Amino acid sequence: MNGDRLLRGRDGRLSVYQLSGDALLCRAEREPGGPWTTPRTVGGEQRLHPVFAVGQGADGYAHLVAWRPTAKGESGLVHSTHFRPRLAALDWNPIGHPDKKGERTGTPALAVDAQGRAHVFVRGAHGGVSLLAQKEKGGWEPWRDLGGEDVQDGLAAVTGESGRVELYAAAPGAVLHWCQEQPGARPVLTESRPAPVRPGTLYALATSPGSTTLYSTDTSGDLCAWRPGGRPVTVLPSAGYGPVAAVRCDLDGHDCTLLAQRSSSGRVAFAAHPTELESAGAWWTESGPRLALDARVFLTVDEDDRVVAATLSPSTGQLLLTRRKHEPGLALEAWRPV
């Protein structure tokens, strides 16, 4: 997963993570497709900064990482594991700072490998990327410097179908890619590709057994797709200025990638194309009500393999949800508040 906040647990229930003040909350379905619980605090009473990352492994467990204040002018990262949406998550566990100590350095990104080991990536004060990885039998490896220069905030971590962890980042005029050469290995910087990327627009998705795809918006406003080893290609003009969300799904028997973004009109825009065939074309279709400026869109599929979309606004706390109807095409149910 790529830092998404809408997840499907191993029991089929959907859950959503959201910030509220200095706490992280979780809401979950009481049963798949059923009513939702009221928000519950994740990880105990630890006070948090308003940034966090979520990653999910093949076992369905959710891993969460956030920054917390530790002393005046200093912060540290904390980690929690949430095994099932309706159970309490583990208490926050301190995991340190990429520069040993100091203020927070960037928004963390998180991916979980095939063995269930969380990999936490964060920009360091030196402008490169640092990694903290779990050991397979508990505990954490030491912080490692993965290199990079002038890396911008908004890293995108993803686990490929191979189970190996990859990372994408933007730097001035370029996109960067790190990949594990084998499970458990330190990711290495494999490519730096010239590309005029808008900071904060990166989203990575596993799209085939051997590839992951990075979606980003370039400085001209086009939504682009890039797979390492090739060149970035334009998919279509972006619908708005915020980040895009993506999910692979079956649409009438075809393996497709569905994109969603808050449009410039304030509504949610959807577009789909055959997976890894961006040249087939795509176009936006808007749906739902107008949303707050800070609203984000998240996508997943439920236990019936139906697409589920959610919007969440940090300023209002409003959570809206829709599902694909049981009919051909991409017809959606009416958006409803949760």
C-alpha atoms as a PDB file:
ATOM      1  CA  MET A   1       0.000   0.000   0.000  1.00  0.00           C
ATOM      2  CA  ASN A   2       1.034   3.540  -0.615  1.00  0.00           C
ATOM      3  CA  GLY A   3       0.152   5.456   2.499  1.00  0.00           C
ATOM      4  CA  ASP A   4      -3.548   5.048   1.850  1.00  0.00           C
ATOM      5  CA  ARG A   5      -5.972   5.695   4.680  1.00  0.00           C
ATOM      6  CA  LEU A   6      -8.760   3.437   3.390  1.00  0.00           C
ATOM      7  CA  LEU A   7      -7.853  -0.230   3.933  1.00  0.00           C
ATOM      8  CA  ARG A   8      -9.515  -3.631   3.773  1.00  0.00           C
ATOM      9  CA  GLY A   9      -8.543  -5.838   6.688  1.00  0.00           C
ATOM     10  CA  ARG A  10      -7.993  -9.578   6.622  1.00  0.00           C
ATOM     11  CA  ASP A  11     -11.549 -10.030   7.961  1.00  0.00           C
ATOM     12  CA  GLY A  12     -12.991  -8.112   4.985  1.00  0.00           C
ATOM     13  CA  ARG A  13     -13.933  -5.031   6.981  1.00  0.00           C
ATOM     14  CA  LEU A  14     -12.949  -1.608   5.693  1.00  0.00           C
ATOM     15  CA  SER A  15     -11.254   0.904   7.963  1.00  0.00           C
ATOM     16  CA  VAL A  16     -10.241   4.551   7.684  1.00  0.00           C
ATOM     17  CA  TYR A  17      -7.515   6.413   9.578  1.00  0.00           C
ATOM     18  CA  GLN A  18      -7.816  10.131  10.213  1.00  0.00           C
ATOM     19  CA  LEU A  19      -6.183  12.808  12.338  1.00  0.00           C
ATOM     20  CA  SER A  20      -8.099  14.711  14.972  1.00  0.00           C
ATOM     21  CA  GLY A  21      -6.094  17.362  16.795  1.00  0.00           C
ATOM     22  CA  ASP A  22      -3.003  15.625  18.151  1.00  0.00           C
ATOM     23  CA  ALA A  23      -4.460  12.097  17.976  1.00  0.00           C
ATOM     24  CA  LEU A  24      -4.896   9.474  15.257  1.00  0.00           C
ATOM     25  CA  LEU A  25      -8.353   7.911  14.987  1.00  0.00           C
ATOM     26  CA  CYS A  26      -9.679   4.798  13.274  1.00  0.00           C
ATOM     27  CA  ARG A  27     -13.188   3.957  12.100  1.00  0.00           C
ATOM     28  CA  ALA A  28     -14.164   0.515  10.808  1.00  0.00           C
ATOM     29  CA  GLU A  29     -17.112  -1.382   9.423  1.00  0.00           C
ATOM     30  CA  ARG A  30     -18.899  -3.475  12.039  1.00  0.00           C
ATOM     31  CA  GLU A  31     -19.241  -6.103   9.309  1.00  0.00           C
ATOM     32  CA  PRO A  32     -18.254  -6.051   5.633  1.00  0.00           C
ATOM     33  CA  GLY A  33     -20.556  -3.611   3.874  1.00  0.00           C
ATOM     34  CA  GLY A  34     -22.346  -2.794   7.107  1.00  0.00           C
ATOM     35  CA  PRO A  35     -22.557   0.211   9.453  1.00  0.00           C
ATOM     36  CA  TRP A  36     -19.417   1.825  10.826  1.00  0.00           C
ATOM     37  CA  THR A  37     -18.089   2.211  14.350  1.00  0.00           C
ATOM     38  CA  THR A  38     -17.512   5.556  15.989  1.00  0.00           C
ATOM     39  CA  PRO A  39     -13.907   6.853  15.809  1.00  0.00           C
ATOM     40  CA  ARG A  40     -11.425   5.253  18.244  1.00  0.00           C
ATOM     41  CA  THR A  41      -8.009   6.589  19.245  1.00  0.00           C
ATOM     42  CA  VAL A  42      -5.099   4.577  17.851  1.00  0.00           C
ATOM     43  CA  GLY A  43      -2.059   3.695  19.934  1.00  0.00           C
ATOM     44  CA  GLY A  44      -3.022   5.203  23.291  1.00  0.00           C
ATOM     45  CA  GLU A  45      -2.846   8.765  24.536  1.00  0.00           C
ATOM     46  CA  GLN A  46       0.450   9.749  22.880  1.00  0.00           C
ATOM     47  CA  ARG A  47       0.330  13.292  21.502  1.00  0.00           C
ATOM     48  CA  LEU A  48       1.215  13.369  17.785  1.00  0.00           C
ATOM     49  CA  HIS A  49       2.151  15.859  15.117  1.00  0.00           C
ATOM     50  CA  PRO A  50      -0.420  16.105  12.282  1.00  0.00           C
ATOM     51  CA  VAL A  51       1.380  13.797   9.817  1.00  0.00           C
ATOM     52  CA  PHE A  52       1.358  10.017   9.594  1.00  0.00           C
ATOM     53  CA  ALA A  53       1.766   7.106   7.187  1.00  0.00           C
ATOM     54  CA  VAL A  54      -0.022   3.775   6.846  1.00  0.00           C
ATOM     55  CA  GLY A  55       1.195   0.587   5.167  1.00  0.00           C
ATOM     56  CA  GLN A  56      -0.446  -2.816   4.880  1.00  0.00           C
ATOM     57  CA  GLY A  57       1.134  -6.204   4.378  1.00  0.00           C
ATOM     58  CA  ALA A  58      -0.145  -9.312   2.620  1.00  0.00           C
ATOM     59  CA  ASP A  59      -1.300 -10.545   6.047  1.00  0.00           C
ATOM     60  CA  GLY A  60      -3.757  -7.638   6.216  1.00  0.00           C
ATOM     61  CA  TYR A  61      -2.068  -6.044   9.228  1.00  0.00           C
ATOM     62  CA  ALA A  62      -1.808  -2.253   9.170  1.00  0.00           C
ATOM     63  CA  HIS A  63       1.417  -0.545  10.244  1.00  0.00           C
ATOM     64  CA  LEU A  64       1.293   3.103  11.255  1.00  0.00           C
ATOM     65  CA  VAL A  65       4.076   5.648  11.751  1.00  0.00           C
ATOM     66  CA  ALA A  66       3.802   9.202  13.047  1.00  0.00           C
ATOM     67  CA  TRP A  67       5.945  11.975  14.503  1.00  0.00           C
ATOM     68  CA  ARG A  68       5.589  12.918  18.174  1.00  0.00           C
ATOM     69  CA  PRO A  69       7.116  15.815  20.128  1.00  0.00           C
ATOM     70  CA  THR A  70       9.891  14.610  22.450  1.00  0.00           C
ATOM     71  CA  ALA A  71      11.470  17.822  23.774  1.00  0.00           C
ATOM     72  CA  LYS A  72      11.416  21.511  22.964  1.00  0.00           C
ATOM     73  CA  GLY A  73      12.299  21.797  19.272  1.00  0.00           C
ATOM     74  CA  GLU A  74      12.702  18.025  18.900  1.00  0.00           C
ATOM     75  CA  SER A  75      10.556  15.155  17.640  1.00  0.00           C
ATOM     76  CA  GLY A  76      10.801  11.414  17.147  1.00  0.00           C
ATOM     77  CA  LEU A  77       8.991   8.765  15.163  1.00  0.00           C
ATOM     78  CA  VAL A  78       6.625   6.211  16.695  1.00  0.00           C
ATOM     79  CA  HIS A  79       5.209   2.975  15.258  1.00  0.00           C
ATOM     80  CA  SER A  80       2.069   0.946  15.922  1.00  0.00           C
ATOM     81  CA  THR A  81       0.557  -2.221  14.454  1.00  0.00           C
ATOM     82  CA  HIS A  82      -3.173  -2.698  13.983  1.00  0.00           C
ATOM     83  CA  PHE A  83      -3.982  -6.367  13.470  1.00  0.00           C
ATOM     84  CA  ARG A  84      -7.736  -6.100  12.919  1.00  0.00           C
ATOM     85  CA  PRO A  85      -9.854  -2.997  12.345  1.00  0.00           C
ATOM     86  CA  ARG A  86     -12.226  -3.607  15.266  1.00  0.00           C
ATOM     87  CA  LEU A  87      -9.475  -4.469  17.741  1.00  0.00           C
ATOM     88  CA  ALA A  88      -7.351  -1.893  19.558  1.00  0.00           C
ATOM     89  CA  ALA A  89      -4.028  -1.121  17.898  1.00  0.00           C
ATOM     90  CA  LEU A  90      -0.777  -1.669  19.783  1.00  0.00           C
ATOM     91  CA  ASP A  91       0.530   1.270  21.796  1.00  0.00           C
ATOM     92  CA  TRP A  92       2.877   3.658  20.021  1.00  0.00           C
ATOM     93  CA  ASN A  93       6.476   2.468  20.203  1.00  0.00           C
ATOM     94  CA  PRO A  94       9.341   4.996  19.786  1.00  0.00           C
ATOM     95  CA  ILE A  95      11.606   4.163  16.837  1.00  0.00           C
ATOM     96  CA  GLY A  96      13.920   7.172  16.874  1.00  0.00           C
ATOM     97  CA  HIS A  97      14.995   9.873  14.450  1.00  0.00           C
ATOM     98  CA  PRO A  98      16.911   9.546  11.146  1.00  0.00           C
ATOM     99  CA  ASP A  99      19.461  12.124  12.387  1.00  0.00           C
ATOM    100  CA  LYS A 100      19.467  10.729  15.967  1.00  0.00           C
ATOM    101  CA  LYS A 101      17.681  13.825  17.233  1.00  0.00           C
ATOM    102  CA  GLY A 102      16.170  17.061  16.019  1.00  0.00           C
ATOM    103  CA  GLU A 103      12.891  18.381  14.689  1.00  0.00           C
ATOM    104  CA  ARG A 104      10.779  16.336  12.288  1.00  0.00           C
ATOM    105  CA  THR A 105      12.375  16.173   8.852  1.00  0.00           C
ATOM    106  CA  GLY A 106       9.515  15.230   6.534  1.00  0.00           C
ATOM    107  CA  THR A 107       6.380  13.189   6.103  1.00  0.00           C
ATOM    108  CA  PRO A 108       7.176   9.471   6.529  1.00  0.00           C
ATOM    109  CA  ALA A 109       6.299   6.827   3.941  1.00  0.00           C
ATOM    110  CA  LEU A 110       5.771   3.187   4.802  1.00  0.00           C
ATOM    111  CA  ALA A 111       5.643  -0.144   2.959  1.00  0.00           C
ATOM    112  CA  VAL A 112       5.468  -3.730   4.253  1.00  0.00           C
ATOM    113  CA  ASP A 113       7.360  -6.541   2.527  1.00  0.00           C
ATOM    114  CA  ALA A 114       6.194 -10.109   1.880  1.00  0.00           C
ATOM    115  CA  GLN A 115       7.558 -11.224   5.257  1.00  0.00           C
ATOM    116  CA  GLY A 116       5.484  -8.623   7.106  1.00  0.00           C
ATOM    117  CA  ARG A 117       8.411  -6.298   7.877  1.00  0.00           C
ATOM    118  CA  ALA A 118       7.598  -2.586   7.947  1.00  0.00           C
ATOM    119  CA  HIS A 119       9.984  -0.269   6.070  1.00  0.00           C
ATOM    120  CA  VAL A 120       9.851   3.367   7.179  1.00  0.00           C
ATOM    121  CA  PHE A 121      11.283   5.979   4.825  1.00  0.00           C
ATOM    122  CA  VAL A 122      11.757   9.637   5.701  1.00  0.00           C
ATOM    123  CA  ARG A 123      13.706  12.538   4.322  1.00  0.00           C
ATOM    124  CA  GLY A 124      16.695  13.385   6.519  1.00  0.00           C
ATOM    125  CA  ALA A 125      17.983  16.827   7.411  1.00  0.00           C
ATOM    126  CA  HIS A 126      20.820  16.252   4.903  1.00  0.00           C
ATOM    127  CA  GLY A 127      18.296  16.193   2.030  1.00  0.00           C
ATOM    128  CA  GLY A 128      18.584  12.478   1.283  1.00  0.00           C
ATOM    129  CA  VAL A 129      16.419   9.512   2.267  1.00  0.00           C
ATOM    130  CA  SER A 130      16.791   7.448   5.424  1.00  0.00           C
ATOM    131  CA  LEU A 131      15.342   3.979   6.092  1.00  0.00           C
ATOM    132  CA  LEU A 132      14.374   2.103   9.235  1.00  0.00           C
ATOM    133  CA  ALA A 133      13.334  -1.530   8.643  1.00  0.00           C
ATOM    134  CA  GLN A 134      11.883  -4.122  10.990  1.00  0.00           C
ATOM    135  CA  LYS A 135      13.679  -7.378  11.624  1.00  0.00           C
ATOM    136  CA  GLU A 136      11.742 -10.492  10.681  1.00  0.00           C
ATOM    137  CA  LYS A 137      11.650 -11.777  14.264  1.00  0.00           C
ATOM    138  CA  GLY A 138      11.058  -8.483  16.036  1.00  0.00           C
ATOM    139  CA  GLY A 139      12.953  -5.285  16.698  1.00  0.00           C
ATOM    140  CA  TRP A 140      14.428  -2.864  14.193  1.00  0.00           C
ATOM    141  CA  GLU A 141      17.556  -2.629  12.094  1.00  0.00           C
ATOM    142  CA  PRO A 142      19.668   0.544  12.531  1.00  0.00           C
ATOM    143  CA  TRP A 143      18.798   3.646  10.515  1.00  0.00           C
ATOM    144  CA  ARG A 144      20.377   3.558   7.059  1.00  0.00           C
ATOM    145  CA  ASP A 145      21.193   6.394   4.681  1.00  0.00           C
ATOM    146  CA  LEU A 146      19.909   5.541   1.192  1.00  0.00           C
ATOM    147  CA  GLY A 147      21.373   8.596  -0.506  1.00  0.00           C
ATOM    148  CA  GLY A 148      19.627  11.070  -2.738  1.00  0.00           C
ATOM    149  CA  GLU A 149      20.040  14.835  -2.869  1.00  0.00           C
ATOM    150  CA  ASP A 150      17.576  17.705  -2.388  1.00  0.00           C
ATOM    151  CA  VAL A 151      14.754  15.170  -2.027  1.00  0.00           C
ATOM    152  CA  GLN A 152      11.381  16.851  -1.697  1.00  0.00           C
ATOM    153  CA  ASP A 153       8.718  15.991   0.854  1.00  0.00           C
ATOM    154  CA  GLY A 154       6.077  13.501  -0.255  1.00  0.00           C
ATOM    155  CA  LEU A 155       7.852  10.136  -0.674  1.00  0.00           C
ATOM    156  CA  ALA A 156       5.893   7.239  -2.222  1.00  0.00           C
ATOM    157  CA  ALA A 157       6.663   3.737  -0.902  1.00  0.00           C
ATOM    158  CA  VAL A 158       5.168   0.611  -2.466  1.00  0.00           C
ATOM    159  CA  THR A 159       5.516  -3.172  -2.285  1.00  0.00           C
ATOM    160  CA  GLY A 160       5.680  -4.896  -5.660  1.00  0.00           C
ATOM    161  CA  GLU A 161       3.955  -8.161  -6.477  1.00  0.00           C
ATOM    162  CA  SER A 162       7.350  -9.779  -5.865  1.00  0.00           C
ATOM    163  CA  GLY A 163       7.076  -8.735  -2.206  1.00  0.00           C
ATOM    164  CA  ARG A 164      10.083  -6.429  -2.510  1.00  0.00           C
ATOM    165  CA  VAL A 165       9.852  -2.842  -1.304  1.00  0.00           C
ATOM    166  CA  GLU A 166      10.394   0.129  -3.619  1.00  0.00           C
ATOM    167  CA  LEU A 167      10.521   3.876  -3.065  1.00  0.00           C
ATOM    168  CA  TYR A 168       9.950   6.886  -5.312  1.00  0.00           C
ATOM    169  CA  ALA A 169      10.880  10.483  -4.578  1.00  0.00           C
ATOM    170  CA  ALA A 170      10.981  13.799  -6.364  1.00  0.00           C
ATOM    171  CA  ALA A 171      13.983  16.128  -6.522  1.00  0.00           C
ATOM    172  CA  PRO A 172      14.333  19.382  -8.489  1.00  0.00           C
ATOM    173  CA  GLY A 173      13.808  18.375 -12.142  1.00  0.00           C
ATOM    174  CA  ALA A 174      13.885  14.618 -11.498  1.00  0.00           C
ATOM    175  CA  VAL A 175      12.178  11.542 -10.082  1.00  0.00           C
ATOM    176  CA  LEU A 176      14.205   8.946  -8.180  1.00  0.00           C
ATOM    177  CA  HIS A 177      13.651   5.214  -7.696  1.00  0.00           C
ATOM    178  CA  TRP A 178      14.999   2.824  -5.065  1.00  0.00           C
ATOM    179  CA  CYS A 179      14.407  -0.934  -5.104  1.00  0.00           C
ATOM    180  CA  GLN A 180      15.412  -4.025  -3.135  1.00  0.00           C
ATOM    181  CA  GLU A 181      17.477  -6.399  -5.238  1.00  0.00           C
ATOM    182  CA  GLN A 182      16.290  -9.285  -3.046  1.00  0.00           C
ATOM    183  CA  PRO A 183      13.894  -9.634  -0.078  1.00  0.00           C
ATOM    184  CA  GLY A 184      15.260  -8.086   3.096  1.00  0.00           C
ATOM    185  CA  ALA A 185      18.081  -6.250   1.296  1.00  0.00           C
ATOM    186  CA  ARG A 186      18.710  -2.538   1.611  1.00  0.00           C
ATOM    187  CA  PRO A 187      16.927  -0.682  -1.221  1.00  0.00           C
ATOM    188  CA  VAL A 188      19.399   0.853  -3.656  1.00  0.00           C
ATOM    189  CA  LEU A 189      19.007   3.906  -5.859  1.00  0.00           C
ATOM    190  CA  THR A 190      18.487   2.416  -9.322  1.00  0.00           C
ATOM    191  CA  GLU A 191      17.492   5.380 -11.459  1.00  0.00           C
ATOM    192  CA  SER A 192      17.198   9.150 -11.567  1.00  0.00           C
ATOM    193  CA  ARG A 193      15.005  10.271 -14.444  1.00  0.00           C
ATOM    194  CA  PRO A 194      14.687  13.904 -15.564  1.00  0.00           C
ATOM    195  CA  ALA A 195      11.071  14.961 -15.001  1.00  0.00           C
ATOM    196  CA  PRO A 196       9.484  18.275 -13.926  1.00  0.00           C
ATOM    197  CA  VAL A 197       7.370  16.940 -11.043  1.00  0.00           C
ATOM    198  CA  ARG A 198       5.148  18.964  -8.747  1.00  0.00           C
ATOM    199  CA  PRO A 199       6.086  18.236  -5.117  1.00  0.00           C
ATOM    200  CA  GLY A 200       3.516  16.285  -3.137  1.00  0.00           C
ATOM    201  CA  THR A 201       1.844  14.583  -6.114  1.00  0.00           C
ATOM    202  CA  LEU A 202       3.541  11.164  -6.109  1.00  0.00           C
ATOM    203  CA  TYR A 203       1.539   7.920  -5.910  1.00  0.00           C
ATOM    204  CA  ALA A 204       2.990   4.446  -6.530  1.00  0.00           C
ATOM    205  CA  LEU A 205       1.118   1.253  -7.400  1.00  0.00           C
ATOM    206  CA  ALA A 206       2.117  -2.359  -8.114  1.00  0.00           C
ATOM    207  CA  THR A 207       0.913  -2.947 -11.696  1.00  0.00           C
ATOM    208  CA  SER A 208       2.464  -6.283 -12.832  1.00  0.00           C
ATOM    209  CA  PRO A 209       4.684  -9.064 -11.434  1.00  0.00           C
ATOM    210  CA  GLY A 210       7.826  -7.175 -12.442  1.00  0.00           C
ATOM    211  CA  SER A 211       6.779  -3.532 -12.315  1.00  0.00           C
ATOM    212  CA  THR A 212       5.430  -0.739 -10.198  1.00  0.00           C
ATOM    213  CA  THR A 213       4.103   2.501 -11.690  1.00  0.00           C
ATOM    214  CA  LEU A 214       4.587   6.005 -10.363  1.00  0.00           C
ATOM    215  CA  TYR A 215       1.820   8.532 -10.994  1.00  0.00           C
ATOM    216  CA  SER A 216       2.665  12.214 -10.583  1.00  0.00           C
ATOM    217  CA  THR A 217       1.661  15.635 -11.873  1.00  0.00           C
ATOM    218  CA  ASP A 218       4.221  17.586 -13.889  1.00  0.00           C
ATOM    219  CA  THR A 219       4.711  21.339 -13.741  1.00  0.00           C
ATOM    220  CA  SER A 220       2.500  21.852 -16.797  1.00  0.00           C
ATOM    221  CA  GLY A 221      -0.427  20.189 -15.033  1.00  0.00           C
ATOM    222  CA  ASP A 222      -0.417  16.812 -16.794  1.00  0.00           C
ATOM    223  CA  LEU A 223      -0.822  13.543 -14.901  1.00  0.00           C
ATOM    224  CA  CYS A 224       2.083  11.288 -15.877  1.00  0.00           C
ATOM    225  CA  ALA A 225       2.955   7.622 -15.379  1.00  0.00           C
ATOM    226  CA  TRP A 226       6.484   6.239 -15.095  1.00  0.00           C
ATOM    227  CA  ARG A 227       7.895   2.744 -14.802  1.00  0.00           C
ATOM    228  CA  PRO A 228      11.645   2.573 -14.149  1.00  0.00           C
ATOM    229  CA  GLY A 229      13.589   1.665 -17.254  1.00  0.00           C
ATOM    230  CA  GLY A 230      11.256   3.651 -19.489  1.00  0.00           C
ATOM    231  CA  ARG A 231      10.245   7.256 -19.975  1.00  0.00           C
ATOM    232  CA  PRO A 232       7.399   9.084 -18.214  1.00  0.00           C
ATOM    233  CA  VAL A 233       4.251   9.210 -20.352  1.00  0.00           C
ATOM    234  CA  THR A 234       1.331  11.601 -20.131  1.00  0.00           C
ATOM    235  CA  VAL A 235      -1.933   9.915 -19.147  1.00  0.00           C
ATOM    236  CA  LEU A 236      -4.243  12.948 -19.286  1.00  0.00           C
ATOM    237  CA  PRO A 237      -4.429  16.496 -17.891  1.00  0.00           C
ATOM    238  CA  SER A 238      -4.811  16.404 -14.120  1.00  0.00           C
ATOM    239  CA  ALA A 239      -8.297  17.069 -12.768  1.00  0.00           C
ATOM    240  CA  GLY A 240      -7.027  19.302  -9.962  1.00  0.00           C
ATOM    241  CA  TYR A 241      -3.977  20.266  -7.934  1.00  0.00           C
ATOM    242  CA  GLY A 242      -3.956  17.623  -5.214  1.00  0.00           C
ATOM    243  CA  PRO A 243      -2.457  14.130  -5.276  1.00  0.00           C
ATOM    244  CA  VAL A 244      -4.062  11.342  -7.251  1.00  0.00           C
ATOM    245  CA  ALA A 245      -5.157   7.974  -5.836  1.00  0.00           C
ATOM    246  CA  ALA A 246      -5.009   4.746  -7.839  1.00  0.00           C
ATOM    247  CA  VAL A 247      -6.173   1.150  -7.499  1.00  0.00           C
ATOM    248  CA  ARG A 248      -6.127  -1.890  -9.760  1.00  0.00           C
ATOM    249  CA  CYS A 249      -9.527  -3.431 -10.309  1.00  0.00           C
ATOM    250  CA  ASP A 250     -11.519  -5.658 -12.636  1.00  0.00           C
ATOM    251  CA  LEU A 251     -13.826  -3.679 -14.907  1.00  0.00           C
ATOM    252  CA  ASP A 252     -16.016  -5.971 -16.976  1.00  0.00           C
ATOM    253  CA  GLY A 253     -13.325  -8.638 -17.164  1.00  0.00           C
ATOM    254  CA  HIS A 254     -10.431  -6.260 -17.887  1.00  0.00           C
ATOM    255  CA  ASP A 255      -7.466  -5.515 -15.601  1.00  0.00           C
ATOM    256  CA  CYS A 256      -7.720  -1.750 -15.203  1.00  0.00           C
ATOM    257  CA  THR A 257      -6.181   1.001 -13.124  1.00  0.00           C
ATOM    258  CA  LEU A 258      -8.688   3.431 -11.687  1.00  0.00           C
ATOM    259  CA  LEU A 259      -7.511   6.966 -10.869  1.00  0.00           C
ATOM    260  CA  ALA A 260      -9.279   9.466  -8.623  1.00  0.00           C
ATOM    261  CA  GLN A 261      -8.514  13.075  -7.743  1.00  0.00           C
ATOM    262  CA  ARG A 262     -10.268  16.064  -6.244  1.00  0.00           C
ATOM    263  CA  SER A 263     -11.033  18.179  -9.296  1.00  0.00           C
ATOM    264  CA  SER A 264     -10.674  21.938  -9.647  1.00  0.00           C
ATOM    265  CA  SER A 265     -14.493  22.138  -9.362  1.00  0.00           C
ATOM    266  CA  GLY A 266     -14.290  20.539  -5.909  1.00  0.00           C
ATOM    267  CA  ARG A 267     -15.854  17.209  -6.845  1.00  0.00           C
ATOM    268  CA  VAL A 268     -14.194  13.796  -7.210  1.00  0.00           C
ATOM    269  CA  ALA A 269     -13.016  12.948 -10.730  1.00  0.00           C
ATOM    270  CA  PHE A 270     -12.493   9.345 -11.858  1.00  0.00           C
ATOM    271  CA  ALA A 271     -10.593   7.999 -14.875  1.00  0.00           C
ATOM    272  CA  ALA A 272      -9.629   4.446 -15.840  1.00  0.00           C
ATOM    273  CA  HIS A 273      -7.261   2.822 -18.333  1.00  0.00           C
ATOM    274  CA  PRO A 274      -6.045  -0.737 -18.984  1.00  0.00           C
ATOM    275  CA  THR A 275      -3.257  -1.428 -16.519  1.00  0.00           C
ATOM    276  CA  GLU A 276       0.148  -0.425 -17.943  1.00  0.00           C
ATOM    277  CA  LEU A 277      -1.524   0.649 -21.209  1.00  0.00           C
ATOM    278  CA  GLU A 278      -1.779   4.376 -20.629  1.00  0.00           C
ATOM    279  CA  SER A 279      -1.703   4.925 -24.403  1.00  0.00           C
ATOM    280  CA  ALA A 280      -5.225   3.451 -24.611  1.00  0.00           C
ATOM    281  CA  GLY A 281      -6.505   6.786 -23.317  1.00  0.00           C
ATOM    282  CA  ALA A 282      -8.476   7.937 -20.301  1.00  0.00           C
ATOM    283  CA  TRP A 283     -10.879  10.743 -19.454  1.00  0.00           C
ATOM    284  CA  TRP A 284     -12.257  12.217 -16.252  1.00  0.00           C
ATOM    285  CA  THR A 285     -15.837  11.797 -15.034  1.00  0.00           C
ATOM    286  CA  GLU A 286     -16.875  13.811 -11.986  1.00  0.00           C
ATOM    287  CA  SER A 287     -18.983  12.446  -9.148  1.00  0.00           C
ATOM    288  CA  GLY A 288     -20.390  13.453  -5.795  1.00  0.00           C
ATOM    289  CA  PRO A 289     -20.741  16.792  -3.997  1.00  0.00           C
ATOM    290  CA  ARG A 290     -18.270  19.653  -3.835  1.00  0.00           C
ATOM    291  CA  LEU A 291     -15.639  19.031  -1.162  1.00  0.00           C
ATOM    292  CA  ALA A 292     -13.501  21.134   1.144  1.00  0.00           C
ATOM    293  CA  LEU A 293     -10.200  22.364  -0.313  1.00  0.00           C
ATOM    294  CA  ASP A 294      -8.174  19.963   1.848  1.00  0.00           C
ATOM    295  CA  ALA A 295     -10.276  16.870   1.037  1.00  0.00           C
ATOM    296  CA  ARG A 296      -8.355  13.799  -0.141  1.00  0.00           C
ATOM    297  CA  VAL A 297      -9.655  10.848  -2.133  1.00  0.00           C
ATOM    298  CA  PHE A 298      -8.790   7.233  -1.298  1.00  0.00           C
ATOM    299  CA  LEU A 299      -9.517   4.007  -3.182  1.00  0.00           C
ATOM    300  CA  THR A 300      -9.625   0.294  -2.410  1.00  0.00           C
ATOM    301  CA  VAL A 301     -11.635  -2.816  -3.333  1.00  0.00           C
ATOM    302  CA  ASP A 302     -13.913  -4.619  -0.884  1.00  0.00           C
ATOM    303  CA  GLU A 303     -14.181  -8.353  -0.257  1.00  0.00           C
ATOM    304  CA  ASP A 304     -16.505  -8.644  -3.280  1.00  0.00           C
ATOM    305  CA  ASP A 305     -13.819  -6.933  -5.416  1.00  0.00           C
ATOM    306  CA  ARG A 306     -16.006  -3.869  -5.819  1.00  0.00           C
ATOM    307  CA  VAL A 307     -14.253  -0.510  -5.989  1.00  0.00           C
ATOM    308  CA  VAL A 308     -14.779   1.640  -2.897  1.00  0.00           C
ATOM    309  CA  ALA A 309     -13.952   5.357  -2.854  1.00  0.00           C
ATOM    310  CA  ALA A 310     -13.796   7.590   0.199  1.00  0.00           C
ATOM    311  CA  THR A 311     -13.156  11.286   0.705  1.00  0.00           C
ATOM    312  CA  LEU A 312     -11.826  12.710   3.925  1.00  0.00           C
ATOM    313  CA  SER A 313     -11.378  16.352   4.922  1.00  0.00           C
ATOM    314  CA  PRO A 314      -9.028  17.074   7.859  1.00  0.00           C
ATOM    315  CA  SER A 315     -10.606  20.492   8.450  1.00  0.00           C
ATOM    316  CA  THR A 316     -14.191  19.228   8.672  1.00  0.00           C
ATOM    317  CA  GLY A 317     -13.633  15.601   9.651  1.00  0.00           C
ATOM    318  CA  GLN A 318     -16.285  14.628   7.094  1.00  0.00           C
ATOM    319  CA  LEU A 319     -15.978  11.125   5.652  1.00  0.00           C
ATOM    320  CA  LEU A 320     -17.969  10.270   2.505  1.00  0.00           C
ATOM    321  CA  LEU A 321     -18.114   6.829   0.900  1.00  0.00           C
ATOM    322  CA  THR A 322     -19.331   5.254  -2.340  1.00  0.00           C
ATOM    323  CA  ARG A 323     -19.141   1.795  -3.960  1.00  0.00           C
ATOM    324  CA  ARG A 324     -19.345   0.517  -7.478  1.00  0.00           C
ATOM    325  CA  LYS A 325     -22.802  -0.789  -8.345  1.00  0.00           C
ATOM    326  CA  HIS A 326     -23.426  -4.413  -9.321  1.00  0.00           C
ATOM    327  CA  GLU A 327     -23.713  -3.587 -13.016  1.00  0.00           C
ATOM    328  CA  PRO A 328     -21.431  -3.180 -16.039  1.00  0.00           C
ATOM    329  CA  GLY A 329     -19.222  -0.126 -16.310  1.00  0.00           C
ATOM    330  CA  LEU A 330     -18.132   2.088 -13.454  1.00  0.00           C
ATOM    331  CA  ALA A 331     -21.491   3.238 -12.141  1.00  0.00           C
ATOM    332  CA  LEU A 332     -21.255   4.281  -8.481  1.00  0.00           C
ATOM    333  CA  GLU A 333     -23.768   4.300  -5.677  1.00  0.00           C
ATOM    334  CA  ALA A 334     -24.807   7.645  -4.180  1.00  0.00           C
ATOM    335  CA  TRP A 335     -22.145   9.163  -1.931  1.00  0.00           C
ATOM    336  CA  ARG A 336     -23.129   8.901   1.729  1.00  0.00           C
ATOM    337  CA  PRO A 337     -21.672  10.284   4.951  1.00  0.00           C
ATOM    338  CA  VAL A 338     -20.176   7.765   7.371  1.00  0.00           C
END
